[in-house]
Amino acid sequence: MVLLPKNHTSTMLSISKRQEPSVVARALAKALLLILGVTGCAQHRHYCAGRCPTELQAAPVYNAQTVDLSRFAGPPVSNERVGCGDVLEVSLAAGLGAEAISRFPIRVGDDGMAFLPEIGSLPLAGLELPGAEQTIAAACVHRGLYRQPQVTVTMRRQRVNRITVVGAVKAPGIHELPREASYLMAAIVAAGGLDEDAGTNVEIRRPAAPSRLASDGPPFSGESAVQFAGHARDIPQQRVDLVCLDLANSVLDGTTSNYVDDGTVVRVERRHPAPVQVVGLVRKPGQYDFPVNHELRVFGAIAMAGGLSHKLANSVFVIRNRPDGEDTAVIEVDLRAAKRNAQENLRLAPGDIVSVEQTPLTVMIDVITRIPFGIGATMPIF
């Protein structure tokens, strides 16, 4: 309410002569054009948040730090299980004297067989060390070498897989894993775990099995994946098997058994999302880093920009690159509707432009607040 002096008999307000009518006229014309230009969400490449087509929806963001990597650990394996390529030491005693004890190393072949002098080849792969001792002792008795032999088998050197882990891990490099426990989680743990900017996408490059290579080509010899890649030009017949894995989706659908062979290269995605720009009716318009491990929605972007600069601002345009890369699409968000319905609070994608738009109401309010009433006075709106 405007209080007039008592000596004024008329309640009519006179617009100051100092005011330029052209300024007000231009502001009113702008508001009128804005009203006439509003055509809803039916324009070409213009969509509403609640009816945004699937191809334009931003993909959900999963925090790799919260993924249960234990699901990728593989079955539990005993450290005493004999595997192919392991080197064992056998101690065989036929009597009580020390001179009657013989010690010798043996290697378990890729076929699981180990050759022992005077005893022959025995299948030892897959046995625990006590089981290997019993197998050797039984063979000695069966061949009539000893009546009651005392056999001790110890693990001298366990065969390992050399796995190269690169990308968003804390200790990238080549890591050795026991062959029986060479699974994806063990490789990531050996590399120090996931880094803070790690994504959920993992690329696994396994060396092709020898049976898949050309018959006249040399088989994969177990050298590191880096060396293998370096010699790829010299050995064109060797190939690798590529597997792309999403840790989050794999946990959900149960496909978590991922053995990594010797020479495998594991690359963990490192996220570098493009920043989001917030412009228009916000207090701090500008460019802001897109969060790495959690999603960002319209209200969150406005909050990063200091909040709305106009209390009545309600319309937001999200300008997003189309998947085909040829053009951009505009997705309109109604802030009042977004407060009532979380689905209207649009999930943003890296590189989006969030523009808090002028509306007919905000333009009219701006016009009215700039109109001076009386001499040197303005009409209070709020």
Protein backbone atom coordinates (compact mmCIF):
# COMPACT_ATOMS: atom_id res chain seq x y z
CA MET A 1 0.00 0.00 0.00
CA VAL A 2 1.27 3.45 -0.89
CA LEU A 3 0.60 6.13 1.79
CA LEU A 4 -0.04 9.56 0.34
CA PRO A 5 0.43 12.81 2.22
CA LYS A 6 -2.77 14.07 3.90
CA ASN A 7 -2.70 17.31 1.95
CA HIS A 8 -3.13 15.33 -1.30
CA THR A 9 -6.79 15.14 -2.15
CA SER A 10 -6.30 12.89 -5.16
CA THR A 11 -5.19 9.23 -4.85
CA MET A 12 -4.07 9.03 -8.46
CA LEU A 13 -0.36 8.33 -8.87
CA SER A 14 1.47 10.29 -11.52
CA ILE A 15 4.39 8.79 -13.32
CA SER A 16 7.52 10.86 -13.01
CA LYS A 17 8.35 13.03 -15.96
CA ARG A 18 11.93 11.82 -15.74
CA GLN A 19 10.85 8.30 -16.72
CA GLU A 20 11.47 7.27 -20.31
CA PRO A 21 8.30 5.58 -21.63
CA SER A 22 10.31 3.79 -24.30
CA VAL A 23 12.09 1.72 -21.64
CA VAL A 24 8.82 0.52 -20.16
CA ALA A 25 7.37 -0.08 -23.61
CA ARG A 26 10.31 -2.20 -24.64
CA ALA A 27 10.06 -4.25 -21.43
CA LEU A 28 6.32 -4.78 -21.92
CA ALA A 29 6.88 -5.77 -25.54
CA LYS A 30 9.49 -8.27 -24.44
CA ALA A 31 7.07 -9.81 -21.99
CA LEU A 32 4.37 -9.98 -24.67
CA LEU A 33 6.70 -11.69 -27.14
CA LEU A 34 7.70 -14.16 -24.47
CA ILE A 35 4.07 -14.99 -23.77
CA LEU A 36 3.33 -15.46 -27.46
CA GLY A 37 6.46 -17.54 -27.93
CA VAL A 38 5.60 -20.12 -25.30
CA THR A 39 4.33 -23.15 -27.21
CA GLY A 40 4.79 -25.91 -24.65
CA CYS A 41 6.88 -29.02 -25.27
CA ALA A 42 5.63 -29.86 -28.73
CA GLN A 43 8.31 -28.03 -30.66
CA HIS A 44 10.84 -29.87 -32.77
CA ARG A 45 13.75 -31.10 -30.60
CA HIS A 46 12.06 -29.57 -27.57
CA TYR A 47 10.87 -31.96 -24.87
CA CYS A 48 9.41 -31.96 -21.39
CA ALA A 49 11.34 -33.67 -18.58
CA GLY A 50 8.50 -36.09 -17.87
CA ARG A 51 8.27 -37.16 -21.54
CA CYS A 52 11.93 -37.19 -22.49
CA PRO A 53 12.68 -39.93 -25.07
CA THR A 54 14.88 -42.81 -23.95
CA GLU A 55 17.79 -41.92 -26.22
CA LEU A 56 18.06 -38.49 -24.60
CA GLN A 57 17.92 -39.67 -20.99
CA ALA A 58 21.19 -39.44 -19.06
CA ALA A 59 22.66 -42.75 -17.99
CA PRO A 60 22.61 -43.49 -14.25
CA VAL A 61 25.92 -43.00 -12.43
CA TYR A 62 27.16 -45.75 -10.10
CA ASN A 63 29.80 -45.17 -7.48
CA ALA A 64 32.53 -47.71 -8.13
CA GLN A 65 33.64 -47.37 -4.50
CA THR A 66 30.37 -48.95 -3.33
CA VAL A 67 30.47 -51.96 -5.68
CA ASP A 68 30.89 -55.22 -3.76
CA LEU A 69 34.13 -56.42 -5.36
CA SER A 70 34.11 -59.54 -3.18
CA ARG A 71 31.63 -60.92 -5.68
CA PHE A 72 34.52 -61.07 -8.16
CA ALA A 73 36.85 -62.98 -5.86
CA GLY A 74 36.25 -66.46 -7.28
CA PRO A 75 36.01 -69.66 -5.22
CA PRO A 76 38.26 -70.03 -2.16
CA VAL A 77 41.52 -71.78 -2.94
CA SER A 78 43.99 -73.39 -0.52
CA ASN A 79 47.61 -72.26 -0.70
CA GLU A 80 48.64 -75.92 -0.45
CA ARG A 81 46.86 -77.05 -3.59
CA VAL A 82 49.20 -78.26 -6.30
CA GLY A 83 48.74 -76.63 -9.67
CA CYS A 84 50.17 -76.97 -13.14
CA GLY A 85 53.60 -75.36 -13.36
CA ASP A 86 54.27 -75.52 -9.61
CA VAL A 87 57.71 -76.61 -8.41
CA LEU A 88 57.62 -79.01 -5.45
CA GLU A 89 60.32 -80.43 -3.24
CA VAL A 90 59.95 -84.10 -2.33
CA SER A 91 61.66 -85.60 0.70
CA LEU A 92 61.60 -89.41 0.68
CA ALA A 93 62.89 -91.45 3.65
CA ALA A 94 63.23 -95.23 3.53
CA GLY A 95 64.76 -95.68 7.01
CA LEU A 96 65.65 -93.90 10.22
CA GLY A 97 69.11 -92.71 9.22
CA ALA A 98 69.70 -89.33 7.64
CA GLU A 99 71.70 -90.96 4.88
CA ALA A 100 68.56 -92.79 3.79
CA ILE A 101 66.67 -89.55 3.05
CA SER A 102 66.64 -88.31 -0.52
CA ARG A 103 65.45 -84.84 -1.55
CA PHE A 104 64.77 -83.66 -5.06
CA PRO A 105 62.64 -81.01 -6.81
CA ILE A 106 59.93 -81.86 -9.29
CA ARG A 107 57.85 -79.70 -11.63
CA VAL A 108 54.18 -80.30 -12.36
CA GLY A 109 53.61 -80.12 -16.11
CA ASP A 110 50.78 -78.40 -17.93
CA ASP A 111 49.09 -81.81 -18.20
CA GLY A 112 49.02 -82.11 -14.40
CA MET A 113 51.64 -84.88 -14.35
CA ALA A 114 54.92 -84.81 -12.40
CA PHE A 115 57.89 -87.10 -13.13
CA LEU A 116 59.70 -88.62 -10.12
CA PRO A 117 63.00 -90.50 -10.56
CA GLU A 118 62.58 -94.30 -10.34
CA ILE A 119 58.86 -93.85 -9.72
CA GLY A 120 57.63 -92.38 -12.98
CA SER A 121 54.89 -89.88 -13.81
CA LEU A 122 52.16 -89.26 -11.26
CA PRO A 123 49.03 -87.02 -11.48
CA LEU A 124 49.56 -84.41 -8.77
CA ALA A 125 47.77 -81.29 -10.06
CA GLY A 126 44.68 -80.50 -8.05
CA LEU A 127 45.83 -82.35 -4.93
CA GLU A 128 46.62 -80.79 -1.59
CA LEU A 129 50.18 -81.34 -0.36
CA PRO A 130 49.13 -84.18 2.02
CA GLY A 131 47.29 -85.82 -0.89
CA ALA A 132 50.43 -85.56 -3.05
CA GLU A 133 52.44 -87.24 -0.27
CA GLN A 134 49.98 -90.12 -0.10
CA THR A 135 50.01 -90.53 -3.89
CA ILE A 136 53.82 -90.69 -4.01
CA ALA A 137 54.00 -93.09 -1.05
CA ALA A 138 51.42 -95.41 -2.62
CA ALA A 139 53.35 -95.43 -5.91
CA CYS A 140 56.58 -96.36 -4.06
CA VAL A 141 54.89 -99.32 -2.39
CA HIS A 142 53.14 -100.38 -5.58
CA ARG A 143 56.42 -100.44 -7.51
CA GLY A 144 58.14 -102.34 -4.69
CA LEU A 145 60.68 -99.61 -4.02
CA TYR A 146 59.91 -99.15 -0.32
CA ARG A 147 57.72 -100.94 2.18
CA GLN A 148 56.87 -98.01 4.44
CA PRO A 149 58.22 -94.84 2.86
CA GLN A 150 58.04 -91.50 4.65
CA VAL A 151 57.19 -88.83 2.10
CA THR A 152 57.11 -85.06 2.64
CA VAL A 153 56.12 -82.63 -0.12
CA THR A 154 56.59 -78.87 0.23
CA MET A 155 55.82 -76.03 -2.15
CA ARG A 156 59.07 -74.53 -3.40
CA ARG A 157 57.66 -72.15 -6.02
CA GLN A 158 54.04 -71.73 -6.95
CA ARG A 159 53.31 -70.82 -10.54
CA VAL A 160 51.79 -67.39 -10.90
CA ASN A 161 49.91 -65.35 -13.47
CA ARG A 162 51.42 -62.02 -14.38
CA ILE A 163 48.54 -59.57 -14.71
CA THR A 164 48.89 -55.98 -15.92
CA VAL A 165 46.43 -53.60 -14.22
CA VAL A 166 46.16 -50.04 -15.54
CA GLY A 167 43.73 -47.13 -15.34
CA ALA A 168 41.97 -45.89 -12.23
CA VAL A 169 43.81 -48.00 -9.64
CA LYS A 170 46.18 -46.80 -6.92
CA ALA A 171 49.16 -48.95 -7.93
CA PRO A 172 49.06 -49.67 -11.68
CA GLY A 173 51.60 -52.11 -13.05
CA ILE A 174 52.31 -55.81 -13.46
CA HIS A 175 51.25 -57.95 -10.51
CA GLU A 176 51.78 -61.64 -9.81
CA LEU A 177 48.82 -63.70 -8.64
CA PRO A 178 48.70 -67.38 -7.63
CA ARG A 179 47.40 -69.23 -10.63
CA GLU A 180 44.60 -70.90 -8.71
CA ALA A 181 43.40 -67.57 -7.26
CA SER A 182 43.84 -65.36 -10.33
CA TYR A 183 40.49 -63.58 -10.41
CA LEU A 184 39.46 -60.02 -11.18
CA MET A 185 39.11 -58.87 -7.58
CA ALA A 186 42.53 -60.26 -6.67
CA ALA A 187 44.05 -58.31 -9.56
CA ILE A 188 42.38 -55.05 -8.49
CA VAL A 189 43.37 -55.59 -4.85
CA ALA A 190 46.96 -56.32 -5.89
CA ALA A 191 46.92 -52.97 -7.72
CA GLY A 192 45.99 -51.13 -4.50
CA GLY A 193 42.25 -51.01 -5.11
CA LEU A 194 40.12 -48.58 -7.08
CA ASP A 195 41.09 -44.93 -7.25
CA GLU A 196 38.69 -42.13 -6.32
CA ASP A 197 37.87 -41.30 -9.94
CA ALA A 198 37.35 -44.92 -10.96
CA GLY A 199 34.33 -45.82 -13.04
CA THR A 200 32.51 -49.14 -13.11
CA ASN A 201 33.59 -50.14 -16.62
CA VAL A 202 36.46 -52.62 -16.81
CA GLU A 203 38.18 -53.85 -19.96
CA ILE A 204 39.81 -57.29 -19.81
CA ARG A 205 42.19 -58.30 -22.61
CA ARG A 206 43.09 -61.97 -22.38
CA PRO A 207 45.75 -63.60 -24.55
CA ALA A 208 44.20 -65.97 -27.06
CA ALA A 209 44.44 -69.64 -26.15
CA PRO A 210 47.15 -71.55 -28.07
CA SER A 211 44.50 -73.71 -29.72
CA ARG A 212 43.06 -70.62 -31.37
CA LEU A 213 46.37 -69.54 -32.89
CA ALA A 214 47.69 -70.55 -36.28
CA SER A 215 49.29 -73.98 -36.21
CA ASP A 216 52.57 -72.66 -37.60
CA GLY A 217 52.78 -69.75 -35.15
CA PRO A 218 54.57 -69.80 -31.79
CA PRO A 219 52.23 -70.26 -28.80
CA PHE A 220 51.79 -67.59 -26.16
CA SER A 221 54.71 -68.13 -23.80
CA GLY A 222 53.38 -66.42 -20.69
CA GLU A 223 55.29 -63.16 -21.12
CA SER A 224 53.66 -60.02 -19.76
CA ALA A 225 50.81 -58.46 -21.68
CA VAL A 226 52.89 -55.35 -22.28
CA GLN A 227 55.63 -57.38 -23.96
CA PHE A 228 53.03 -59.36 -25.84
CA ALA A 229 51.47 -56.17 -27.18
CA GLY A 230 54.90 -54.88 -28.15
CA HIS A 231 55.64 -57.98 -30.25
CA ALA A 232 52.18 -58.08 -31.83
CA ARG A 233 53.49 -56.75 -35.14
CA ASP A 234 56.11 -59.48 -35.32
CA ILE A 235 53.57 -62.21 -34.52
CA PRO A 236 50.46 -61.20 -36.47
CA GLN A 237 48.71 -64.54 -35.95
CA GLN A 238 48.42 -64.01 -32.20
CA ARG A 239 45.24 -62.39 -30.99
CA VAL A 240 43.60 -61.33 -27.75
CA ASP A 241 40.10 -61.85 -26.42
CA LEU A 242 38.46 -58.60 -25.31
CA VAL A 243 35.80 -58.53 -22.60
CA CYS A 244 34.10 -55.28 -21.52
CA LEU A 245 32.53 -55.51 -18.11
CA ASP A 246 30.36 -53.17 -16.04
CA LEU A 247 30.98 -53.96 -12.39
CA ALA A 248 27.63 -52.60 -11.23
CA ASN A 249 25.54 -54.46 -13.80
CA SER A 250 27.57 -57.65 -13.39
CA VAL A 251 26.82 -57.72 -9.68
CA LEU A 252 23.12 -57.20 -10.39
CA ASP A 253 22.83 -59.95 -13.01
CA GLY A 254 25.15 -62.36 -11.19
CA THR A 255 27.89 -62.65 -13.84
CA THR A 256 30.79 -62.19 -11.42
CA SER A 257 33.12 -65.12 -12.14
CA ASN A 258 36.03 -63.59 -14.06
CA TYR A 259 39.26 -65.55 -14.15
CA VAL A 260 42.24 -63.63 -15.54
CA ASP A 261 44.87 -65.70 -17.34
CA ASP A 262 48.59 -65.15 -17.44
CA GLY A 263 49.37 -62.12 -19.61
CA THR A 264 45.95 -60.53 -19.17
CA VAL A 265 45.63 -56.73 -19.22
CA VAL A 266 42.95 -55.23 -16.96
CA ARG A 267 42.05 -51.59 -17.57
CA VAL A 268 39.76 -49.82 -15.09
CA GLU A 269 37.85 -46.85 -16.48
CA ARG A 270 39.00 -43.45 -15.24
CA ARG A 271 36.18 -40.93 -15.35
CA HIS A 272 36.79 -37.44 -16.72
CA PRO A 273 33.23 -36.12 -17.16
CA ALA A 274 32.75 -32.86 -19.01
CA PRO A 275 31.68 -29.94 -16.80
CA VAL A 276 28.13 -28.65 -16.63
CA GLN A 277 27.27 -24.99 -17.31
CA VAL A 278 24.61 -23.17 -15.29
CA VAL A 279 23.36 -19.86 -16.69
CA GLY A 280 20.36 -17.57 -16.49
CA LEU A 281 18.53 -16.59 -13.32
CA VAL A 282 21.09 -17.96 -10.83
CA ARG A 283 23.31 -16.11 -8.38
CA LYS A 284 26.64 -17.51 -9.62
CA PRO A 285 26.36 -18.49 -13.30
CA GLY A 286 29.35 -20.37 -14.62
CA GLN A 287 30.95 -23.73 -15.35
CA TYR A 288 31.07 -26.41 -12.66
CA ASP A 289 32.80 -29.79 -12.40
CA PHE A 290 30.52 -32.74 -12.95
CA PRO A 291 30.65 -35.16 -9.98
CA VAL A 292 32.52 -38.38 -10.68
CA ASN A 293 30.80 -40.98 -8.52
CA HIS A 294 27.25 -39.75 -8.04
CA GLU A 295 24.50 -38.38 -10.24
CA LEU A 296 23.66 -34.72 -10.67
CA ARG A 297 20.14 -33.39 -11.17
CA VAL A 298 18.70 -29.97 -12.00
CA PHE A 299 18.21 -28.81 -8.42
CA GLY A 300 21.76 -29.87 -7.59
CA ALA A 301 23.16 -27.84 -10.47
CA ILE A 302 21.18 -24.78 -9.40
CA ALA A 303 22.48 -25.21 -5.85
CA MET A 304 26.07 -25.31 -7.14
CA ALA A 305 25.38 -21.98 -8.87
CA GLY A 306 24.28 -20.35 -5.61
CA GLY A 307 20.54 -20.85 -6.05
CA LEU A 308 17.94 -18.87 -7.96
CA SER A 309 18.40 -15.12 -8.33
CA HIS A 310 14.67 -14.59 -8.87
CA LYS A 311 12.11 -15.97 -6.44
CA LEU A 312 9.53 -16.58 -9.15
CA ALA A 313 11.83 -18.36 -11.62
CA ASN A 314 10.25 -21.66 -12.58
CA SER A 315 11.30 -22.67 -16.10
CA VAL A 316 14.62 -24.42 -16.79
CA PHE A 317 15.96 -25.44 -20.20
CA VAL A 318 18.51 -28.26 -20.24
CA ILE A 319 20.45 -28.12 -23.51
CA ARG A 320 21.88 -31.56 -24.27
CA ASN A 321 23.87 -32.98 -27.16
CA ARG A 322 21.95 -35.60 -29.09
CA PRO A 323 23.46 -39.11 -29.38
CA ASP A 324 23.96 -38.69 -33.14
CA GLY A 325 26.12 -35.61 -32.45
CA GLU A 326 24.43 -33.62 -35.21
CA ASP A 327 22.39 -31.26 -33.09
CA THR A 328 21.25 -30.43 -29.58
CA ALA A 329 17.94 -31.02 -27.85
CA VAL A 330 16.19 -28.81 -25.31
CA ILE A 331 14.50 -30.48 -22.34
CA GLU A 332 12.23 -28.23 -20.31
CA VAL A 333 11.94 -28.66 -16.55
CA ASP A 334 9.16 -27.14 -14.46
CA LEU A 335 10.69 -26.47 -11.04
CA ARG A 336 7.37 -26.53 -9.20
CA ALA A 337 6.53 -29.87 -10.78
CA ALA A 338 10.02 -31.16 -9.96
CA LYS A 339 9.46 -30.38 -6.28
CA ARG A 340 6.40 -32.59 -6.29
CA ASN A 341 7.70 -35.35 -8.54
CA ALA A 342 11.31 -36.58 -8.38
CA GLN A 343 11.13 -37.80 -11.99
CA GLU A 344 10.64 -34.21 -13.15
CA ASN A 345 13.95 -33.30 -11.47
CA LEU A 346 15.90 -34.28 -14.57
CA ARG A 347 19.11 -36.29 -14.24
CA LEU A 348 21.90 -34.36 -15.94
CA ALA A 349 24.61 -35.67 -18.26
CA PRO A 350 28.20 -34.41 -18.58
CA GLY A 351 28.36 -31.39 -20.88
CA ASP A 352 24.77 -30.26 -20.27
CA ILE A 353 23.88 -26.56 -20.21
CA VAL A 354 21.32 -25.67 -17.53
CA SER A 355 19.60 -22.37 -18.29
CA VAL A 356 17.12 -20.90 -15.79
CA GLU A 357 14.84 -18.99 -18.15
CA GLN A 358 12.90 -15.80 -17.92
CA THR A 359 9.13 -16.38 -17.91
CA PRO A 360 6.29 -13.92 -18.60
CA LEU A 361 5.81 -13.61 -14.85
CA THR A 362 9.46 -12.84 -14.07
CA VAL A 363 9.62 -10.31 -16.94
CA MET A 364 6.44 -8.56 -15.81
CA ILE A 365 7.70 -8.39 -12.23
CA ASP A 366 11.00 -6.94 -13.41
CA VAL A 367 9.13 -4.33 -15.48
CA ILE A 368 6.84 -3.32 -12.66
CA THR A 369 9.65 -3.02 -10.13
CA ARG A 370 11.48 -0.63 -12.48
CA ILE A 371 8.48 1.69 -12.98
CA PRO A 372 8.85 4.78 -10.73
CA PHE A 373 5.65 6.03 -9.16
CA GLY A 374 5.45 9.59 -8.04
CA ILE A 375 8.42 11.90 -7.95
CA GLY A 376 11.52 9.90 -7.00
CA ALA A 377 9.44 7.00 -5.58
CA THR A 378 8.90 3.44 -6.75
CA MET A 379 5.93 1.26 -5.97
CA PRO A 380 6.77 -1.51 -3.44
CA ILE A 381 5.81 -4.88 -4.85
CA PHE A 382 6.61 -7.10 -1.88
